[in-house]
All heavy atoms as atom14 arrays in JSON, in Angstrom:
{
  "sequence": "LSLPVDGVPTAFHYRESEFGWVLAGSTSAGVHVGAYGRGMSAYGLGFA",
  "atom14_mask": [
    [1, 1, 1, 1, 1, 1, 1, 1, 0, 0, 0, 0, 0, 0],
    [1, 1, 1, 1, 1, 1, 0, 0, 0, 0, 0, 0, 0, 0],
    [1, 1, 1, 1, 1, 1, 1, 1, 0, 0, 0, 0, 0, 0],
    [1, 1, 1, 1, 1, 1, 1, 0, 0, 0, 0, 0, 0, 0],
    [1, 1, 1, 1, 1, 1, 1, 0, 0, 0, 0, 0, 0, 0],
    [1, 1, 1, 1, 1, 1, 1, 1, 0, 0, 0, 0, 0, 0],
    [1, 1, 1, 1, 0, 0, 0, 0, 0, 0, 0, 0, 0, 0],
    [1, 1, 1, 1, 1, 1, 1, 0, 0, 0, 0, 0, 0, 0],
    [1, 1, 1, 1, 1, 1, 1, 0, 0, 0, 0, 0, 0, 0],
    [1, 1, 1, 1, 1, 1, 1, 0, 0, 0, 0, 0, 0, 0],
    [1, 1, 1, 1, 1, 0, 0, 0, 0, 0, 0, 0, 0, 0],
    [1, 1, 1, 1, 1, 1, 1, 1, 1, 1, 1, 0, 0, 0],
    [1, 1, 1, 1, 1, 1, 1, 1, 1, 1, 0, 0, 0, 0],
    [1, 1, 1, 1, 1, 1, 1, 1, 1, 1, 1, 1, 0, 0],
    [1, 1, 1, 1, 1, 1, 1, 1, 1, 1, 1, 0, 0, 0],
    [1, 1, 1, 1, 1, 1, 1, 1, 1, 0, 0, 0, 0, 0],
    [1, 1, 1, 1, 1, 1, 0, 0, 0, 0, 0, 0, 0, 0],
    [1, 1, 1, 1, 1, 1, 1, 1, 1, 0, 0, 0, 0, 0],
    [1, 1, 1, 1, 1, 1, 1, 1, 1, 1, 1, 0, 0, 0],
    [1, 1, 1, 1, 0, 0, 0, 0, 0, 0, 0, 0, 0, 0],
    [1, 1, 1, 1, 1, 1, 1, 1, 1, 1, 1, 1, 1, 1],
    [1, 1, 1, 1, 1, 1, 1, 0, 0, 0, 0, 0, 0, 0],
    [1, 1, 1, 1, 1, 1, 1, 1, 0, 0, 0, 0, 0, 0],
    [1, 1, 1, 1, 1, 0, 0, 0, 0, 0, 0, 0, 0, 0],
    [1, 1, 1, 1, 0, 0, 0, 0, 0, 0, 0, 0, 0, 0],
    [1, 1, 1, 1, 1, 1, 0, 0, 0, 0, 0, 0, 0, 0],
    [1, 1, 1, 1, 1, 1, 1, 0, 0, 0, 0, 0, 0, 0],
    [1, 1, 1, 1, 1, 1, 0, 0, 0, 0, 0, 0, 0, 0],
    [1, 1, 1, 1, 1, 0, 0, 0, 0, 0, 0, 0, 0, 0],
    [1, 1, 1, 1, 0, 0, 0, 0, 0, 0, 0, 0, 0, 0],
    [1, 1, 1, 1, 1, 1, 1, 0, 0, 0, 0, 0, 0, 0],
    [1, 1, 1, 1, 1, 1, 1, 1, 1, 1, 0, 0, 0, 0],
    [1, 1, 1, 1, 1, 1, 1, 0, 0, 0, 0, 0, 0, 0],
    [1, 1, 1, 1, 0, 0, 0, 0, 0, 0, 0, 0, 0, 0],
    [1, 1, 1, 1, 1, 0, 0, 0, 0, 0, 0, 0, 0, 0],
    [1, 1, 1, 1, 1, 1, 1, 1, 1, 1, 1, 1, 0, 0],
    [1, 1, 1, 1, 0, 0, 0, 0, 0, 0, 0, 0, 0, 0],
    [1, 1, 1, 1, 1, 1, 1, 1, 1, 1, 1, 0, 0, 0],
    [1, 1, 1, 1, 0, 0, 0, 0, 0, 0, 0, 0, 0, 0],
    [1, 1, 1, 1, 1, 1, 1, 1, 0, 0, 0, 0, 0, 0],
    [1, 1, 1, 1, 1, 1, 0, 0, 0, 0, 0, 0, 0, 0],
    [1, 1, 1, 1, 1, 0, 0, 0, 0, 0, 0, 0, 0, 0],
    [1, 1, 1, 1, 1, 1, 1, 1, 1, 1, 1, 1, 0, 0],
    [1, 1, 1, 1, 0, 0, 0, 0, 0, 0, 0, 0, 0, 0],
    [1, 1, 1, 1, 1, 1, 1, 1, 0, 0, 0, 0, 0, 0],
    [1, 1, 1, 1, 0, 0, 0, 0, 0, 0, 0, 0, 0, 0],
    [1, 1, 1, 1, 1, 1, 1, 1, 1, 1, 1, 0, 0, 0],
    [1, 1, 1, 1, 1, 0, 0, 0, 0, 0, 0, 0, 0, 0]
  ],
  "atom14_positions": [
    [[-78.56, -9.77, -74.55], [-78.1, -9.78, -73.18], [-76.84, -8.99, -73.21], [-75.97, -9.3, -73.94], [-77.98, -11.2, -72.64], [-77.67, -11.36, -71.22], [-78.68, -10.75, -70.22], [-77.4, -12.91, -70.93], [0.0, 0.0, 0.0], [0.0, 0.0, 0.0], [0.0, 0.0, 0.0], [0.0, 0.0, 0.0], [0.0, 0.0, 0.0], [0.0, 0.0, 0.0]],
    [[-76.7, -7.99, -72.22], [-75.42, -7.3, -72.18], [-74.69, -7.86, -70.92], [-75.07, -7.93, -69.8], [-75.68, -5.83, -71.88], [-74.52, -5.06, -71.77], [0.0, 0.0, 0.0], [0.0, 0.0, 0.0], [0.0, 0.0, 0.0], [0.0, 0.0, 0.0], [0.0, 0.0, 0.0], [0.0, 0.0, 0.0], [0.0, 0.0, 0.0], [0.0, 0.0, 0.0]],
    [[-73.43, -8.31, -71.31], [-72.55, -8.92, -70.3], [-71.1, -8.28, -70.4], [-70.71, -7.98, -71.53], [-72.49, -10.41, -70.43], [-73.78, -11.22, -70.24], [-73.5, -12.65, -70.56], [-74.28, -11.09, -68.76], [0.0, 0.0, 0.0], [0.0, 0.0, 0.0], [0.0, 0.0, 0.0], [0.0, 0.0, 0.0], [0.0, 0.0, 0.0], [0.0, 0.0, 0.0]],
    [[-70.42, -8.14, -69.31], [-69.02, -7.56, -69.44], [-68.05, -8.55, -70.1], [-68.0, -9.75, -69.75], [-68.68, -7.29, -67.99], [-69.49, -8.28, -67.17], [-70.76, -8.38, -67.89], [0.0, 0.0, 0.0], [0.0, 0.0, 0.0], [0.0, 0.0, 0.0], [0.0, 0.0, 0.0], [0.0, 0.0, 0.0], [0.0, 0.0, 0.0], [0.0, 0.0, 0.0]],
    [[-67.24, -7.97, -71.02], [-66.09, -8.78, -71.58], [-64.85, -7.93, -71.33], [-64.8, -6.83, -71.84], [-66.31, -8.98, -73.08], [-65.08, -9.65, -73.7], [-67.49, -9.83, -73.36], [0.0, 0.0, 0.0], [0.0, 0.0, 0.0], [0.0, 0.0, 0.0], [0.0, 0.0, 0.0], [0.0, 0.0, 0.0], [0.0, 0.0, 0.0], [0.0, 0.0, 0.0]],
    [[-63.91, -8.37, -70.52], [-62.8, -7.63, -70.15], [-63.26, -6.29, -69.51], [-62.58, -5.23, -69.68], [-61.89, -7.4, -71.32], [-61.25, -8.65, -71.88], [-60.9, -9.52, -71.03], [-61.09, -8.77, -73.08], [0.0, 0.0, 0.0], [0.0, 0.0, 0.0], [0.0, 0.0, 0.0], [0.0, 0.0, 0.0], [0.0, 0.0, 0.0], [0.0, 0.0, 0.0]],
    [[-64.33, -6.32, -68.79], [-64.84, -5.15, -68.08], [-65.67, -4.2, -68.95], [-66.17, -3.22, -68.39], [0.0, 0.0, 0.0], [0.0, 0.0, 0.0], [0.0, 0.0, 0.0], [0.0, 0.0, 0.0], [0.0, 0.0, 0.0], [0.0, 0.0, 0.0], [0.0, 0.0, 0.0], [0.0, 0.0, 0.0], [0.0, 0.0, 0.0], [0.0, 0.0, 0.0]],
    [[-65.88, -4.49, -70.24], [-66.64, -3.65, -71.15], [-67.97, -4.24, -71.41], [-67.98, -5.4, -71.82], [-65.84, -3.39, -72.43], [-66.66, -2.51, -73.38], [-64.5, -2.73, -72.09], [0.0, 0.0, 0.0], [0.0, 0.0, 0.0], [0.0, 0.0, 0.0], [0.0, 0.0, 0.0], [0.0, 0.0, 0.0], [0.0, 0.0, 0.0], [0.0, 0.0, 0.0]],
    [[-69.1, -3.6, -71.15], [-70.39, -4.06, -71.52], [-70.46, -4.47, -72.97], [-70.08, -3.68, -73.86], [-71.35, -3.0, -71.18], [-70.72, -2.15, -70.17], [-69.2, -2.22, -70.6], [0.0, 0.0, 0.0], [0.0, 0.0, 0.0], [0.0, 0.0, 0.0], [0.0, 0.0, 0.0], [0.0, 0.0, 0.0], [0.0, 0.0, 0.0], [0.0, 0.0, 0.0]],
    [[-70.87, -5.66, -73.26], [-70.91, -6.16, -74.65], [-72.24, -6.93, -74.86], [-72.75, -7.6, -74.0], [-69.74, -7.24, -74.83], [-68.58, -6.6, -74.5], [-69.67, -7.79, -76.24], [0.0, 0.0, 0.0], [0.0, 0.0, 0.0], [0.0, 0.0, 0.0], [0.0, 0.0, 0.0], [0.0, 0.0, 0.0], [0.0, 0.0, 0.0], [0.0, 0.0, 0.0]],
    [[-72.77, -6.74, -76.09], [-74.02, -7.33, -76.4], [-73.91, -8.82, -76.85], [-72.95, -9.09, -77.73], [-74.8, -6.52, -77.54], [0.0, 0.0, 0.0], [0.0, 0.0, 0.0], [0.0, 0.0, 0.0], [0.0, 0.0, 0.0], [0.0, 0.0, 0.0], [0.0, 0.0, 0.0], [0.0, 0.0, 0.0], [0.0, 0.0, 0.0], [0.0, 0.0, 0.0]],
    [[-74.69, -9.63, -76.26], [-74.68, -11.09, -76.68], [-76.09, -11.52, -77.16], [-77.12, -10.97, -76.75], [-74.3, -12.01, -75.49], [-72.86, -11.97, -75.17], [-72.34, -10.95, -74.35], [-72.02, -12.98, -75.65], [-70.97, -10.93, -74.01], [-70.68, -12.96, -75.3], [-70.15, -12.02, -74.47], [0.0, 0.0, 0.0], [0.0, 0.0, 0.0], [0.0, 0.0, 0.0]],
    [[-76.1, -12.41, -78.12], [-77.38, -13.09, -78.49], [-77.57, -14.27, -77.53], [-76.64, -14.99, -77.16], [-77.25, -13.73, -79.89], [-76.93, -12.55, -80.91], [-77.97, -11.81, -81.5], [-75.76, -12.21, -81.4], [-77.42, -10.97, -82.3], [-76.15, -11.1, -82.38], [0.0, 0.0, 0.0], [0.0, 0.0, 0.0], [0.0, 0.0, 0.0], [0.0, 0.0, 0.0]],
    [[-78.76, -14.4, -77.05], [-78.98, -15.33, -75.88], [-80.38, -16.07, -76.14], [-81.41, -15.51, -76.63], [-79.16, -14.57, -74.62], [-79.58, -15.35, -73.4], [-78.67, -16.14, -72.68], [-80.88, -15.27, -72.95], [-79.03, -16.9, -71.61], [-81.27, -16.07, -71.79], [-80.37, -16.83, -71.15], [-80.75, -17.61, -69.99], [0.0, 0.0, 0.0], [0.0, 0.0, 0.0]],
    [[-80.39, -17.37, -75.82], [-81.59, -18.13, -75.9], [-81.58, -19.23, -74.8], [-80.5, -19.72, -74.43], [-81.86, -18.71, -77.3], [-80.86, -19.85, -77.7], [-81.22, -20.41, -79.02], [-80.27, -21.44, -79.49], [-80.33, -22.7, -79.18], [-81.42, -23.14, -78.47], [-79.41, -23.59, -79.62], [0.0, 0.0, 0.0], [0.0, 0.0, 0.0], [0.0, 0.0, 0.0]],
    [[-82.74, -19.67, -74.42], [-82.97, -20.71, -73.47], [-83.8, -21.85, -74.06], [-84.54, -21.65, -74.97], [-83.69, -20.22, -72.2], [-82.9, -19.15, -71.36], [-83.65, -18.7, -70.21], [-84.83, -19.17, -69.99], [-83.15, -17.89, -69.45], [0.0, 0.0, 0.0], [0.0, 0.0, 0.0], [0.0, 0.0, 0.0], [0.0, 0.0, 0.0], [0.0, 0.0, 0.0]],
    [[-83.56, -23.06, -73.55], [-84.31, -24.12, -73.93], [-84.55, -25.09, -72.7], [-84.08, -24.78, -71.67], [-83.64, -24.97, -75.05], [-82.57, -25.68, -74.57], [0.0, 0.0, 0.0], [0.0, 0.0, 0.0], [0.0, 0.0, 0.0], [0.0, 0.0, 0.0], [0.0, 0.0, 0.0], [0.0, 0.0, 0.0], [0.0, 0.0, 0.0], [0.0, 0.0, 0.0]],
    [[-85.27, -26.14, -72.94], [-85.44, -27.07, -71.82], [-84.11, -27.76, -71.42], [-84.06, -28.41, -70.29], [-86.47, -28.16, -72.13], [-86.09, -29.06, -73.31], [-86.6, -28.63, -74.66], [-86.56, -27.43, -74.83], [-86.92, -29.5, -75.48], [0.0, 0.0, 0.0], [0.0, 0.0, 0.0], [0.0, 0.0, 0.0], [0.0, 0.0, 0.0], [0.0, 0.0, 0.0]],
    [[-83.09, -27.58, -72.23], [-81.84, -28.29, -71.91], [-80.85, -27.35, -71.22], [-79.88, -27.76, -70.64], [-81.17, -28.82, -73.15], [-82.18, -29.65, -73.99], [-82.38, -29.29, -75.34], [-82.8, -30.68, -73.48], [-83.18, -30.13, -76.11], [-83.65, -31.51, -74.23], [-83.88, -31.15, -75.53], [0.0, 0.0, 0.0], [0.0, 0.0, 0.0], [0.0, 0.0, 0.0]],
    [[-81.03, -26.0, -71.27], [-80.12, -25.06, -70.76], [-80.22, -23.79, -71.57], [-81.15, -23.45, -72.18], [0.0, 0.0, 0.0], [0.0, 0.0, 0.0], [0.0, 0.0, 0.0], [0.0, 0.0, 0.0], [0.0, 0.0, 0.0], [0.0, 0.0, 0.0], [0.0, 0.0, 0.0], [0.0, 0.0, 0.0], [0.0, 0.0, 0.0], [0.0, 0.0, 0.0]],
    [[-79.1, -22.99, -71.54], [-79.03, -21.77, -72.23], [-77.74, -21.71, -73.14], [-76.78, -22.4, -72.94], [-78.99, -20.57, -71.28], [-78.05, -20.57, -70.12], [-78.21, -20.99, -68.85], [-76.62, -20.22, -70.33], [-76.93, -20.9, -68.11], [-75.99, -20.44, -68.92], [-75.83, -19.74, -71.28], [-74.65, -20.2, -68.73], [-74.44, -19.5, -71.02], [-73.96, -19.73, -69.8]],
    [[-77.91, -20.86, -74.12], [-76.77, -20.65, -75.02], [-76.69, -19.04, -75.33], [-77.74, -18.38, -75.44], [-77.04, -21.36, -76.45], [-76.08, -20.99, -77.41], [-77.1, -22.88, -76.14], [0.0, 0.0, 0.0], [0.0, 0.0, 0.0], [0.0, 0.0, 0.0], [0.0, 0.0, 0.0], [0.0, 0.0, 0.0], [0.0, 0.0, 0.0], [0.0, 0.0, 0.0]],
    [[-75.38, -18.68, -75.49], [-75.23, -17.21, -75.82], [-73.98, -17.09, -76.73], [-73.14, -18.0, -76.74], [-75.1, -16.34, -74.61], [-74.07, -16.55, -73.52], [-72.77, -15.97, -74.01], [-74.42, -15.88, -72.21], [0.0, 0.0, 0.0], [0.0, 0.0, 0.0], [0.0, 0.0, 0.0], [0.0, 0.0, 0.0], [0.0, 0.0, 0.0], [0.0, 0.0, 0.0]],
    [[-73.92, -15.96, -77.44], [-72.78, -15.79, -78.33], [-72.64, -14.32, -78.6], [-73.57, -13.57, -78.7], [-72.94, -16.59, -79.64], [0.0, 0.0, 0.0], [0.0, 0.0, 0.0], [0.0, 0.0, 0.0], [0.0, 0.0, 0.0], [0.0, 0.0, 0.0], [0.0, 0.0, 0.0], [0.0, 0.0, 0.0], [0.0, 0.0, 0.0], [0.0, 0.0, 0.0]],
    [[-71.35, -13.85, -78.73], [-71.09, -12.48, -79.1], [-69.61, -12.45, -79.57], [-68.93, -13.36, -79.78], [0.0, 0.0, 0.0], [0.0, 0.0, 0.0], [0.0, 0.0, 0.0], [0.0, 0.0, 0.0], [0.0, 0.0, 0.0], [0.0, 0.0, 0.0], [0.0, 0.0, 0.0], [0.0, 0.0, 0.0], [0.0, 0.0, 0.0], [0.0, 0.0, 0.0]],
    [[-69.22, -11.18, -79.75], [-67.84, -10.88, -80.26], [-66.99, -10.07, -79.25], [-67.58, -9.37, -78.42], [-67.87, -10.15, -81.62], [-68.34, -10.98, -82.67], [0.0, 0.0, 0.0], [0.0, 0.0, 0.0], [0.0, 0.0, 0.0], [0.0, 0.0, 0.0], [0.0, 0.0, 0.0], [0.0, 0.0, 0.0], [0.0, 0.0, 0.0], [0.0, 0.0, 0.0]],
    [[-65.69, -10.15, -79.33], [-64.87, -9.32, -78.5], [-63.96, -8.46, -79.4], [-63.94, -8.55, -80.56], [-63.88, -10.2, -77.6], [-62.81, -10.72, -78.46], [-64.67, -11.39, -77.05], [0.0, 0.0, 0.0], [0.0, 0.0, 0.0], [0.0, 0.0, 0.0], [0.0, 0.0, 0.0], [0.0, 0.0, 0.0], [0.0, 0.0, 0.0], [0.0, 0.0, 0.0]],
    [[-63.25, -7.49, -78.71], [-62.37, -6.58, -79.34], [-60.97, -7.24, -79.58], [-60.06, -6.63, -80.04], [-62.26, -5.27, -78.58], [-61.75, -5.47, -77.28], [0.0, 0.0, 0.0], [0.0, 0.0, 0.0], [0.0, 0.0, 0.0], [0.0, 0.0, 0.0], [0.0, 0.0, 0.0], [0.0, 0.0, 0.0], [0.0, 0.0, 0.0], [0.0, 0.0, 0.0]],
    [[-60.87, -8.51, -79.06], [-59.56, -9.19, -79.14], [-59.4, -10.11, -80.29], [-58.5, -10.91, -80.38], [-59.39, -9.94, -77.81], [0.0, 0.0, 0.0], [0.0, 0.0, 0.0], [0.0, 0.0, 0.0], [0.0, 0.0, 0.0], [0.0, 0.0, 0.0], [0.0, 0.0, 0.0], [0.0, 0.0, 0.0], [0.0, 0.0, 0.0], [0.0, 0.0, 0.0]],
    [[-60.28, -9.97, -81.32], [-60.21, -10.8, -82.53], [-60.72, -12.24, -82.39], [-60.3, -13.03, -83.07], [0.0, 0.0, 0.0], [0.0, 0.0, 0.0], [0.0, 0.0, 0.0], [0.0, 0.0, 0.0], [0.0, 0.0, 0.0], [0.0, 0.0, 0.0], [0.0, 0.0, 0.0], [0.0, 0.0, 0.0], [0.0, 0.0, 0.0], [0.0, 0.0, 0.0]],
    [[-61.64, -12.46, -81.38], [-62.26, -13.71, -81.24], [-63.78, -13.56, -81.0], [-64.2, -12.48, -80.55], [-61.64, -14.53, -80.1], [-60.2, -14.87, -80.34], [-61.82, -13.83, -78.8], [0.0, 0.0, 0.0], [0.0, 0.0, 0.0], [0.0, 0.0, 0.0], [0.0, 0.0, 0.0], [0.0, 0.0, 0.0], [0.0, 0.0, 0.0], [0.0, 0.0, 0.0]],
    [[-64.53, -14.57, -81.28], [-65.98, -14.61, -80.99], [-66.03, -15.53, -79.74], [-65.32, -16.5, -79.58], [-66.74, -15.19, -82.06], [-66.57, -14.43, -83.4], [-66.93, -13.17, -83.56], [-66.08, -14.9, -84.55], [-66.68, -12.8, -84.81], [-66.06, -13.85, -85.41], [0.0, 0.0, 0.0], [0.0, 0.0, 0.0], [0.0, 0.0, 0.0], [0.0, 0.0, 0.0]],
    [[-66.99, -15.25, -78.88], [-67.17, -15.96, -77.66], [-68.6, -16.57, -77.64], [-69.6, -15.83, -77.82], [-66.95, -15.2, -76.36], [-67.44, -15.88, -75.12], [-65.48, -14.73, -76.26], [0.0, 0.0, 0.0], [0.0, 0.0, 0.0], [0.0, 0.0, 0.0], [0.0, 0.0, 0.0], [0.0, 0.0, 0.0], [0.0, 0.0, 0.0], [0.0, 0.0, 0.0]],
    [[-68.66, -17.85, -77.38], [-69.98, -18.54, -77.15], [-69.96, -19.11, -75.79], [-68.85, -19.34, -75.18], [0.0, 0.0, 0.0], [0.0, 0.0, 0.0], [0.0, 0.0, 0.0], [0.0, 0.0, 0.0], [0.0, 0.0, 0.0], [0.0, 0.0, 0.0], [0.0, 0.0, 0.0], [0.0, 0.0, 0.0], [0.0, 0.0, 0.0], [0.0, 0.0, 0.0]],
    [[-71.13, -19.42, -75.28], [-71.18, -20.08, -74.0], [-72.46, -20.85, -73.82], [-73.43, -20.51, -74.47], [-71.02, -19.09, -72.79], [0.0, 0.0, 0.0], [0.0, 0.0, 0.0], [0.0, 0.0, 0.0], [0.0, 0.0, 0.0], [0.0, 0.0, 0.0], [0.0, 0.0, 0.0], [0.0, 0.0, 0.0], [0.0, 0.0, 0.0], [0.0, 0.0, 0.0]],
    [[-72.4, -21.93, -73.06], [-73.62, -22.7, -72.73], [-73.61, -23.12, -71.3], [-72.45, -23.28, -70.72], [-73.85, -23.85, -73.72], [-72.83, -24.83, -73.76], [-72.87, -26.04, -72.93], [-71.71, -24.77, -74.54], [-71.87, -27.04, -72.91], [-70.7, -25.74, -74.61], [-70.79, -26.86, -73.77], [-69.84, -27.86, -73.77], [0.0, 0.0, 0.0], [0.0, 0.0, 0.0]],
    [[-74.73, -23.44, -70.74], [-74.72, -23.85, -69.3], [-76.08, -24.32, -68.82], [-77.06, -24.28, -69.53], [0.0, 0.0, 0.0], [0.0, 0.0, 0.0], [0.0, 0.0, 0.0], [0.0, 0.0, 0.0], [0.0, 0.0, 0.0], [0.0, 0.0, 0.0], [0.0, 0.0, 0.0], [0.0, 0.0, 0.0], [0.0, 0.0, 0.0], [0.0, 0.0, 0.0]],
    [[-76.04, -24.87, -67.59], [-77.26, -25.33, -66.94], [-77.1, -25.11, -65.46], [-75.93, -25.41, -64.94], [-77.42, -26.79, -67.35], [-78.83, -27.33, -67.1], [-79.11, -28.57, -67.92], [-78.16, -29.55, -67.81], [-77.82, -30.46, -68.82], [-78.38, -30.36, -69.97], [-76.89, -31.4, -68.57], [0.0, 0.0, 0.0], [0.0, 0.0, 0.0], [0.0, 0.0, 0.0]],
    [[-78.1, -24.72, -64.76], [-78.03, -24.59, -63.32], [-77.31, -23.36, -62.83], [-77.39, -23.04, -61.63], [0.0, 0.0, 0.0], [0.0, 0.0, 0.0], [0.0, 0.0, 0.0], [0.0, 0.0, 0.0], [0.0, 0.0, 0.0], [0.0, 0.0, 0.0], [0.0, 0.0, 0.0], [0.0, 0.0, 0.0], [0.0, 0.0, 0.0], [0.0, 0.0, 0.0]],
    [[-76.67, -22.68, -63.74], [-75.96, -21.41, -63.43], [-76.49, -20.33, -64.29], [-76.57, -20.47, -65.59], [-74.54, -21.58, -63.69], [-73.66, -20.4, -63.32], [-71.83, -20.68, -63.78], [-71.43, -22.07, -62.82], [0.0, 0.0, 0.0], [0.0, 0.0, 0.0], [0.0, 0.0, 0.0], [0.0, 0.0, 0.0], [0.0, 0.0, 0.0], [0.0, 0.0, 0.0]],
    [[-77.04, -19.25, -63.64], [-77.66, -18.23, -64.43], [-76.64, -17.4, -65.36], [-75.6, -17.05, -64.88], [-78.33, -17.18, -63.54], [-78.83, -16.07, -64.32], [0.0, 0.0, 0.0], [0.0, 0.0, 0.0], [0.0, 0.0, 0.0], [0.0, 0.0, 0.0], [0.0, 0.0, 0.0], [0.0, 0.0, 0.0], [0.0, 0.0, 0.0], [0.0, 0.0, 0.0]],
    [[-77.04, -17.28, -66.58], [-76.17, -16.52, -67.54], [-76.19, -15.07, -67.26], [-75.19, -14.31, -67.68], [-76.61, -16.75, -68.94], [0.0, 0.0, 0.0], [0.0, 0.0, 0.0], [0.0, 0.0, 0.0], [0.0, 0.0, 0.0], [0.0, 0.0, 0.0], [0.0, 0.0, 0.0], [0.0, 0.0, 0.0], [0.0, 0.0, 0.0], [0.0, 0.0, 0.0]],
    [[-77.18, -14.57, -66.51], [-77.33, -13.11, -66.41], [-76.24, -12.44, -65.47], [-76.0, -11.28, -65.6], [-78.73, -12.81, -65.76], [-79.79, -13.0, -66.79], [-80.41, -14.15, -67.1], [-80.31, -11.93, -67.51], [-81.46, -14.4, -67.99], [-81.32, -12.1, -68.53], [-81.83, -13.35, -68.72], [-82.83, -13.47, -69.61], [0.0, 0.0, 0.0], [0.0, 0.0, 0.0]],
    [[-75.62, -13.19, -64.7], [-74.6, -12.66, -63.82], [-73.18, -12.95, -64.23], [-72.22, -12.76, -63.48], [0.0, 0.0, 0.0], [0.0, 0.0, 0.0], [0.0, 0.0, 0.0], [0.0, 0.0, 0.0], [0.0, 0.0, 0.0], [0.0, 0.0, 0.0], [0.0, 0.0, 0.0], [0.0, 0.0, 0.0], [0.0, 0.0, 0.0], [0.0, 0.0, 0.0]],
    [[-73.02, -13.45, -65.42], [-71.69, -13.94, -65.89], [-70.89, -12.7, -66.45], [-71.46, -11.75, -66.93], [-71.82, -15.02, -66.98], [-72.51, -16.27, -66.45], [-72.43, -17.31, -67.68], [-71.8, -16.9, -65.29], [0.0, 0.0, 0.0], [0.0, 0.0, 0.0], [0.0, 0.0, 0.0], [0.0, 0.0, 0.0], [0.0, 0.0, 0.0], [0.0, 0.0, 0.0]],
    [[-69.57, -12.81, -66.51], [-68.71, -11.91, -67.14], [-67.6, -12.73, -67.71], [-67.29, -13.87, -67.28], [0.0, 0.0, 0.0], [0.0, 0.0, 0.0], [0.0, 0.0, 0.0], [0.0, 0.0, 0.0], [0.0, 0.0, 0.0], [0.0, 0.0, 0.0], [0.0, 0.0, 0.0], [0.0, 0.0, 0.0], [0.0, 0.0, 0.0], [0.0, 0.0, 0.0]],
    [[-66.91, -12.17, -68.82], [-65.92, -12.93, -69.51], [-64.56, -12.16, -69.54], [-64.57, -10.91, -69.53], [-66.29, -13.25, -70.98], [-67.64, -14.04, -71.0], [-68.86, -13.29, -71.24], [-67.62, -15.36, -70.99], [-70.05, -14.01, -71.3], [-68.86, -16.05, -71.03], [-70.1, -15.35, -71.12], [0.0, 0.0, 0.0], [0.0, 0.0, 0.0], [0.0, 0.0, 0.0]],
    [[-63.5, -12.87, -69.44], [-62.13, -12.2, -69.49], [-61.13, -13.09, -70.2], [-61.28, -14.34, -70.12], [-61.77, -11.83, -68.06], [0.0, 0.0, 0.0], [0.0, 0.0, 0.0], [0.0, 0.0, 0.0], [0.0, 0.0, 0.0], [0.0, 0.0, 0.0], [0.0, 0.0, 0.0], [0.0, 0.0, 0.0], [0.0, 0.0, 0.0], [0.0, 0.0, 0.0]]
  ]
}
């Protein structure tokens, strides 16, 4: 899944389950970013 990180399109690994969704990727700022959620679509998210 491609999502913006600080405005730059970034590739994330993404999966869904009956409990919600999980994604993870890296940034150019020296950190990795993971996220999880429920009831809120991951497809429209951006990180900063």
